[in-house]
Amino acid sequence: MFRARATGFTMIELMIGLAIAGLLLVLAMPGYSVWIADGQIRNAAESIASGMRYAQSQAVARNSAVAFVLTPATGWDARLEIDASILQSGVFAEGSGLATSTPTPAAATTVTFSSLGGIVANADASVTLTEVDVTSATGVAGARNLRVLVGGTKTGIKICDPKWPAADPKGCPP
């Protein structure tokens, strides 16, 4: 008589498979952490840049000054200068909650666009926002920090990488 052999994995084969999976997971974690941090930084920079572009386009479309107001901890607003009504808002918790935004100059949070799309003085006489550095709040080593530039004759509104040389299209102009 023939005995039917049991199919499946033995306990030793299962333990070896789990050990290999665990080892691969441990090796992949640092790269995954950097990848997540880079995605968060990129999302925050894209949100800020698109908010600035929206404010600029609305200023032209409405033939009225529109202010882009950055709140580094939470997000941004595009507001009409006339009555400060909010046209659109962006919240950093939506895909970029682990990114930190640092405006330059340090006290600046607002940039105002004229009806022609150019930058004008802020209505409250505050310092005009010229750039925003976006970094990882978790401090992940190897994460790629980005900078959002606004204004200037060559830059307009641009996302750039400060680690690249200024002559490179990915780099930040001086």
C-alpha atoms as a PDB file:
ATOM      1  CA  MET A   1       0.000   0.000   0.000  1.00  0.00           C
ATOM      2  CA  PHE A   2       1.040   3.482  -0.754  1.00  0.00           C
ATOM      3  CA  ARG A   3       1.005   6.254   1.827  1.00  0.00           C
ATOM      4  CA  ALA A   4      -0.012   9.680   0.673  1.00  0.00           C
ATOM      5  CA  ARG A   5       2.675  12.210   1.433  1.00  0.00           C
ATOM      6  CA  ALA A   6       1.516  15.396   3.202  1.00  0.00           C
ATOM      7  CA  THR A   7       1.992  18.496   1.084  1.00  0.00           C
ATOM      8  CA  GLY A   8       2.988  21.910   2.356  1.00  0.00           C
ATOM      9  CA  PHE A   9       5.925  23.413   4.188  1.00  0.00           C
ATOM     10  CA  THR A  10       7.837  21.931   7.042  1.00  0.00           C
ATOM     11  CA  MET A  11       8.453  23.989  10.149  1.00  0.00           C
ATOM     12  CA  ILE A  12      12.123  24.433   9.206  1.00  0.00           C
ATOM     13  CA  GLU A  13      11.260  25.715   5.721  1.00  0.00           C
ATOM     14  CA  LEU A  14       8.760  28.143   7.214  1.00  0.00           C
ATOM     15  CA  MET A  15      11.289  29.477   9.757  1.00  0.00           C
ATOM     16  CA  ILE A  16      13.955  29.957   7.061  1.00  0.00           C
ATOM     17  CA  GLY A  17      11.441  31.841   4.892  1.00  0.00           C
ATOM     18  CA  LEU A  18      10.466  34.111   7.798  1.00  0.00           C
ATOM     19  CA  ALA A  19      14.137  34.774   8.633  1.00  0.00           C
ATOM     20  CA  ILE A  20      14.866  35.779   5.028  1.00  0.00           C
ATOM     21  CA  ALA A  21      11.777  38.034   4.917  1.00  0.00           C
ATOM     22  CA  GLY A  22      12.803  39.670   8.221  1.00  0.00           C
ATOM     23  CA  LEU A  23      16.344  40.265   6.960  1.00  0.00           C
ATOM     24  CA  LEU A  24      15.071  41.866   3.751  1.00  0.00           C
ATOM     25  CA  LEU A  25      12.714  44.067   5.757  1.00  0.00           C
ATOM     26  CA  VAL A  26      15.542  45.252   8.027  1.00  0.00           C
ATOM     27  CA  LEU A  27      17.719  46.049   5.004  1.00  0.00           C
ATOM     28  CA  ALA A  28      14.916  47.966   3.245  1.00  0.00           C
ATOM     29  CA  MET A  29      13.776  50.158   6.176  1.00  0.00           C
ATOM     30  CA  PRO A  30      16.387  52.969   5.902  1.00  0.00           C
ATOM     31  CA  GLY A  31      15.717  53.421   2.196  1.00  0.00           C
ATOM     32  CA  TYR A  32      11.977  53.354   2.796  1.00  0.00           C
ATOM     33  CA  SER A  33      12.259  56.026   5.511  1.00  0.00           C
ATOM     34  CA  VAL A  34      14.203  58.322   3.166  1.00  0.00           C
ATOM     35  CA  TRP A  35      11.685  57.659   0.396  1.00  0.00           C
ATOM     36  CA  ILE A  36       8.757  58.595   2.662  1.00  0.00           C
ATOM     37  CA  ALA A  37      10.547  61.766   3.909  1.00  0.00           C
ATOM     38  CA  ASP A  38      11.360  62.803   0.320  1.00  0.00           C
ATOM     39  CA  GLY A  39       7.714  62.333  -0.651  1.00  0.00           C
ATOM     40  CA  GLN A  40       6.513  64.450   2.281  1.00  0.00           C
ATOM     41  CA  ILE A  41       9.006  67.228   1.439  1.00  0.00           C
ATOM     42  CA  ARG A  42       8.040  67.136  -2.238  1.00  0.00           C
ATOM     43  CA  ASN A  43       4.312  67.288  -1.398  1.00  0.00           C
ATOM     44  CA  ALA A  44       4.795  70.328   0.858  1.00  0.00           C
ATOM     45  CA  ALA A  45       6.944  72.141  -1.729  1.00  0.00           C
ATOM     46  CA  GLU A  46       4.456  71.380  -4.518  1.00  0.00           C
ATOM     47  CA  SER A  47       1.582  72.580  -2.331  1.00  0.00           C
ATOM     48  CA  ILE A  48       3.317  75.885  -1.563  1.00  0.00           C
ATOM     49  CA  ALA A  49       4.344  76.465  -5.190  1.00  0.00           C
ATOM     50  CA  SER A  50       0.885  75.628  -6.547  1.00  0.00           C
ATOM     51  CA  GLY A  51      -0.698  77.920  -3.939  1.00  0.00           C
ATOM     52  CA  MET A  52       1.555  80.767  -5.056  1.00  0.00           C
ATOM     53  CA  ARG A  53       0.747  80.101  -8.703  1.00  0.00           C
ATOM     54  CA  TYR A  54      -2.959  80.006  -7.880  1.00  0.00           C
ATOM     55  CA  ALA A  55      -2.751  83.341  -6.034  1.00  0.00           C
ATOM     56  CA  GLN A  56      -0.857  84.877  -8.965  1.00  0.00           C
ATOM     57  CA  SER A  57      -3.346  83.589 -11.540  1.00  0.00           C
ATOM     58  CA  GLN A  58      -6.320  84.758  -9.467  1.00  0.00           C
ATOM     59  CA  ALA A  59      -4.784  88.224  -9.166  1.00  0.00           C
ATOM     60  CA  VAL A  60      -4.649  88.452 -12.946  1.00  0.00           C
ATOM     61  CA  ALA A  61      -8.076  86.854 -13.479  1.00  0.00           C
ATOM     62  CA  ARG A  62      -9.821  89.090 -10.924  1.00  0.00           C
ATOM     63  CA  ASN A  63      -7.816  92.209 -11.828  1.00  0.00           C
ATOM     64  CA  SER A  64      -7.186  92.692  -8.121  1.00  0.00           C
ATOM     65  CA  ALA A  65      -4.335  92.100  -5.683  1.00  0.00           C
ATOM     66  CA  VAL A  66      -4.230  88.618  -4.131  1.00  0.00           C
ATOM     67  CA  ALA A  67      -2.034  87.667  -1.186  1.00  0.00           C
ATOM     68  CA  PHE A  68      -0.457  84.257  -0.573  1.00  0.00           C
ATOM     69  CA  VAL A  69      -0.180  83.793   3.204  1.00  0.00           C
ATOM     70  CA  LEU A  70       1.984  80.963   4.575  1.00  0.00           C
ATOM     71  CA  THR A  71       1.384  79.511   8.021  1.00  0.00           C
ATOM     72  CA  PRO A  72       4.463  77.253   8.334  1.00  0.00           C
ATOM     73  CA  ALA A  73       2.936  74.890  10.907  1.00  0.00           C
ATOM     74  CA  THR A  74      -0.383  74.253   9.179  1.00  0.00           C
ATOM     75  CA  GLY A  75      -0.563  75.385   5.535  1.00  0.00           C
ATOM     76  CA  TRP A  76      -1.371  78.419   3.380  1.00  0.00           C
ATOM     77  CA  ASP A  77      -4.200  80.652   2.172  1.00  0.00           C
ATOM     78  CA  ALA A  78      -4.754  82.655  -1.013  1.00  0.00           C
ATOM     79  CA  ARG A  79      -6.693  85.796  -0.014  1.00  0.00           C
ATOM     80  CA  LEU A  80      -8.180  88.767  -1.799  1.00  0.00           C
ATOM     81  CA  GLU A  81      -6.394  91.916  -0.651  1.00  0.00           C
ATOM     82  CA  ILE A  82      -9.588  93.994  -0.708  1.00  0.00           C
ATOM     83  CA  ASP A  83     -11.509  92.178   2.008  1.00  0.00           C
ATOM     84  CA  ALA A  84      -9.139  89.338   3.070  1.00  0.00           C
ATOM     85  CA  SER A  85     -11.652  86.718   1.949  1.00  0.00           C
ATOM     86  CA  ILE A  86     -10.028  83.311   1.429  1.00  0.00           C
ATOM     87  CA  LEU A  87     -10.068  82.034  -2.148  1.00  0.00           C
ATOM     88  CA  GLN A  88      -8.294  78.734  -1.525  1.00  0.00           C
ATOM     89  CA  SER A  89      -6.419  77.006   1.301  1.00  0.00           C
ATOM     90  CA  GLY A  90      -3.826  74.269   1.499  1.00  0.00           C
ATOM     91  CA  VAL A  91      -3.258  72.085   4.551  1.00  0.00           C
ATOM     92  CA  PHE A  92       0.095  70.382   5.144  1.00  0.00           C
ATOM     93  CA  ALA A  93      -1.508  67.472   7.003  1.00  0.00           C
ATOM     94  CA  GLU A  94      -2.688  66.217   3.605  1.00  0.00           C
ATOM     95  CA  GLY A  95       0.380  64.239   2.528  1.00  0.00           C
ATOM     96  CA  SER A  96       3.099  66.430   3.987  1.00  0.00           C
ATOM     97  CA  GLY A  97       2.491  66.448   7.721  1.00  0.00           C
ATOM     98  CA  LEU A  98       6.101  65.449   8.438  1.00  0.00           C
ATOM     99  CA  ALA A  99       7.634  68.342   6.494  1.00  0.00           C
ATOM    100  CA  THR A 100       8.746  71.654   8.007  1.00  0.00           C
ATOM    101  CA  SER A 101       8.479  74.967   6.138  1.00  0.00           C
ATOM    102  CA  THR A 102      10.889  77.791   6.967  1.00  0.00           C
ATOM    103  CA  PRO A 103      10.179  81.159   5.294  1.00  0.00           C
ATOM    104  CA  THR A 104      12.870  83.635   4.232  1.00  0.00           C
ATOM    105  CA  PRO A 105      13.149  86.372   5.463  1.00  0.00           C
ATOM    106  CA  ALA A 106      12.414  84.801   8.848  1.00  0.00           C
ATOM    107  CA  ALA A 107       9.474  87.067   9.755  1.00  0.00           C
ATOM    108  CA  ALA A 108       7.889  86.944   6.282  1.00  0.00           C
ATOM    109  CA  THR A 109       4.701  84.979   5.686  1.00  0.00           C
ATOM    110  CA  THR A 110       3.021  86.907   2.853  1.00  0.00           C
ATOM    111  CA  VAL A 111       3.636  87.671  -0.801  1.00  0.00           C
ATOM    112  CA  THR A 112       1.128  89.830  -2.697  1.00  0.00           C
ATOM    113  CA  PHE A 113       0.543  89.621  -6.438  1.00  0.00           C
ATOM    114  CA  SER A 114      -0.750  92.613  -8.403  1.00  0.00           C
ATOM    115  CA  SER A 115      -3.433  92.501 -11.073  1.00  0.00           C
ATOM    116  CA  LEU A 116      -0.636  92.086 -13.627  1.00  0.00           C
ATOM    117  CA  GLY A 117       0.845  89.086 -11.802  1.00  0.00           C
ATOM    118  CA  GLY A 118       3.877  90.898 -10.436  1.00  0.00           C
ATOM    119  CA  ILE A 119       4.899  91.118  -6.801  1.00  0.00           C
ATOM    120  CA  VAL A 120       3.884  94.269  -4.918  1.00  0.00           C
ATOM    121  CA  ALA A 121       4.290  95.453  -1.343  1.00  0.00           C
ATOM    122  CA  ASN A 122       2.048  93.749   1.205  1.00  0.00           C
ATOM    123  CA  ALA A 123      -0.979  95.780   2.347  1.00  0.00           C
ATOM    124  CA  ASP A 124       0.006  95.375   6.011  1.00  0.00           C
ATOM    125  CA  ALA A 125       3.531  96.684   5.251  1.00  0.00           C
ATOM    126  CA  SER A 126       5.072  93.365   6.351  1.00  0.00           C
ATOM    127  CA  VAL A 127       8.216  91.953   4.760  1.00  0.00           C
ATOM    128  CA  THR A 128       7.577  90.134   1.466  1.00  0.00           C
ATOM    129  CA  LEU A 129       8.142  86.377   1.377  1.00  0.00           C
ATOM    130  CA  THR A 130      10.905  85.491  -1.108  1.00  0.00           C
ATOM    131  CA  GLU A 131      11.607  81.797  -0.457  1.00  0.00           C
ATOM    132  CA  VAL A 132      10.521  78.842   1.647  1.00  0.00           C
ATOM    133  CA  ASP A 133      12.865  76.019   2.665  1.00  0.00           C
ATOM    134  CA  VAL A 134      11.092  72.676   3.082  1.00  0.00           C
ATOM    135  CA  THR A 135      12.828  70.031   5.204  1.00  0.00           C
ATOM    136  CA  SER A 136      11.923  66.822   7.001  1.00  0.00           C
ATOM    137  CA  ALA A 137      10.559  67.299  10.520  1.00  0.00           C
ATOM    138  CA  THR A 138      11.725  63.799  11.446  1.00  0.00           C
ATOM    139  CA  GLY A 139      15.372  64.543  10.660  1.00  0.00           C
ATOM    140  CA  VAL A 140      15.817  61.523   8.397  1.00  0.00           C
ATOM    141  CA  ALA A 141      19.438  61.426   7.217  1.00  0.00           C
ATOM    142  CA  GLY A 142      19.703  61.565   3.433  1.00  0.00           C
ATOM    143  CA  ALA A 143      16.343  63.262   2.836  1.00  0.00           C
ATOM    144  CA  ARG A 144      16.365  65.742  -0.047  1.00  0.00           C
ATOM    145  CA  ASN A 145      15.453  69.238   1.137  1.00  0.00           C
ATOM    146  CA  LEU A 146      13.789  71.593  -1.343  1.00  0.00           C
ATOM    147  CA  ARG A 147      13.359  75.352  -1.692  1.00  0.00           C
ATOM    148  CA  VAL A 148      10.442  77.273  -3.199  1.00  0.00           C
ATOM    149  CA  LEU A 149      11.505  80.583  -4.756  1.00  0.00           C
ATOM    150  CA  VAL A 150       9.132  83.400  -5.620  1.00  0.00           C
ATOM    151  CA  GLY A 151      10.014  86.553  -7.514  1.00  0.00           C
ATOM    152  CA  GLY A 152      13.122  87.546  -9.342  1.00  0.00           C
ATOM    153  CA  THR A 153      13.455  88.111 -13.044  1.00  0.00           C
ATOM    154  CA  LYS A 154      14.613  84.576 -13.866  1.00  0.00           C
ATOM    155  CA  THR A 155      12.839  82.392 -11.335  1.00  0.00           C
ATOM    156  CA  GLY A 156       9.146  83.346 -11.174  1.00  0.00           C
ATOM    157  CA  ILE A 157       7.838  80.613  -8.871  1.00  0.00           C
ATOM    158  CA  LYS A 158      10.240  77.689  -8.819  1.00  0.00           C
ATOM    159  CA  ILE A 159      10.984  74.581  -6.772  1.00  0.00           C
ATOM    160  CA  CYS A 160      14.699  73.895  -6.622  1.00  0.00           C
ATOM    161  CA  ASP A 161      17.200  71.688  -4.782  1.00  0.00           C
ATOM    162  CA  PRO A 162      19.837  73.669  -2.831  1.00  0.00           C
ATOM    163  CA  LYS A 163      22.337  70.783  -3.123  1.00  0.00           C
ATOM    164  CA  TRP A 164      22.604  71.145  -6.897  1.00  0.00           C
ATOM    165  CA  PRO A 165      24.871  73.790  -8.478  1.00  0.00           C
ATOM    166  CA  ALA A 166      23.199  77.065  -9.421  1.00  0.00           C
ATOM    167  CA  ALA A 167      23.987  76.515 -13.121  1.00  0.00           C
ATOM    168  CA  ASP A 168      21.978  73.260 -13.139  1.00  0.00           C
ATOM    169  CA  PRO A 169      18.236  73.588 -13.911  1.00  0.00           C
ATOM    170  CA  LYS A 170      17.479  71.657 -10.672  1.00  0.00           C
ATOM    171  CA  GLY A 171      19.670  74.020  -8.647  1.00  0.00           C
ATOM    172  CA  CYS A 172      18.682  77.228  -6.920  1.00  0.00           C
ATOM    173  CA  PRO A 173      19.861  80.432  -8.601  1.00  0.00           C
ATOM    174  CA  PRO A 174      21.890  82.822  -6.436  1.00  0.00           C
END
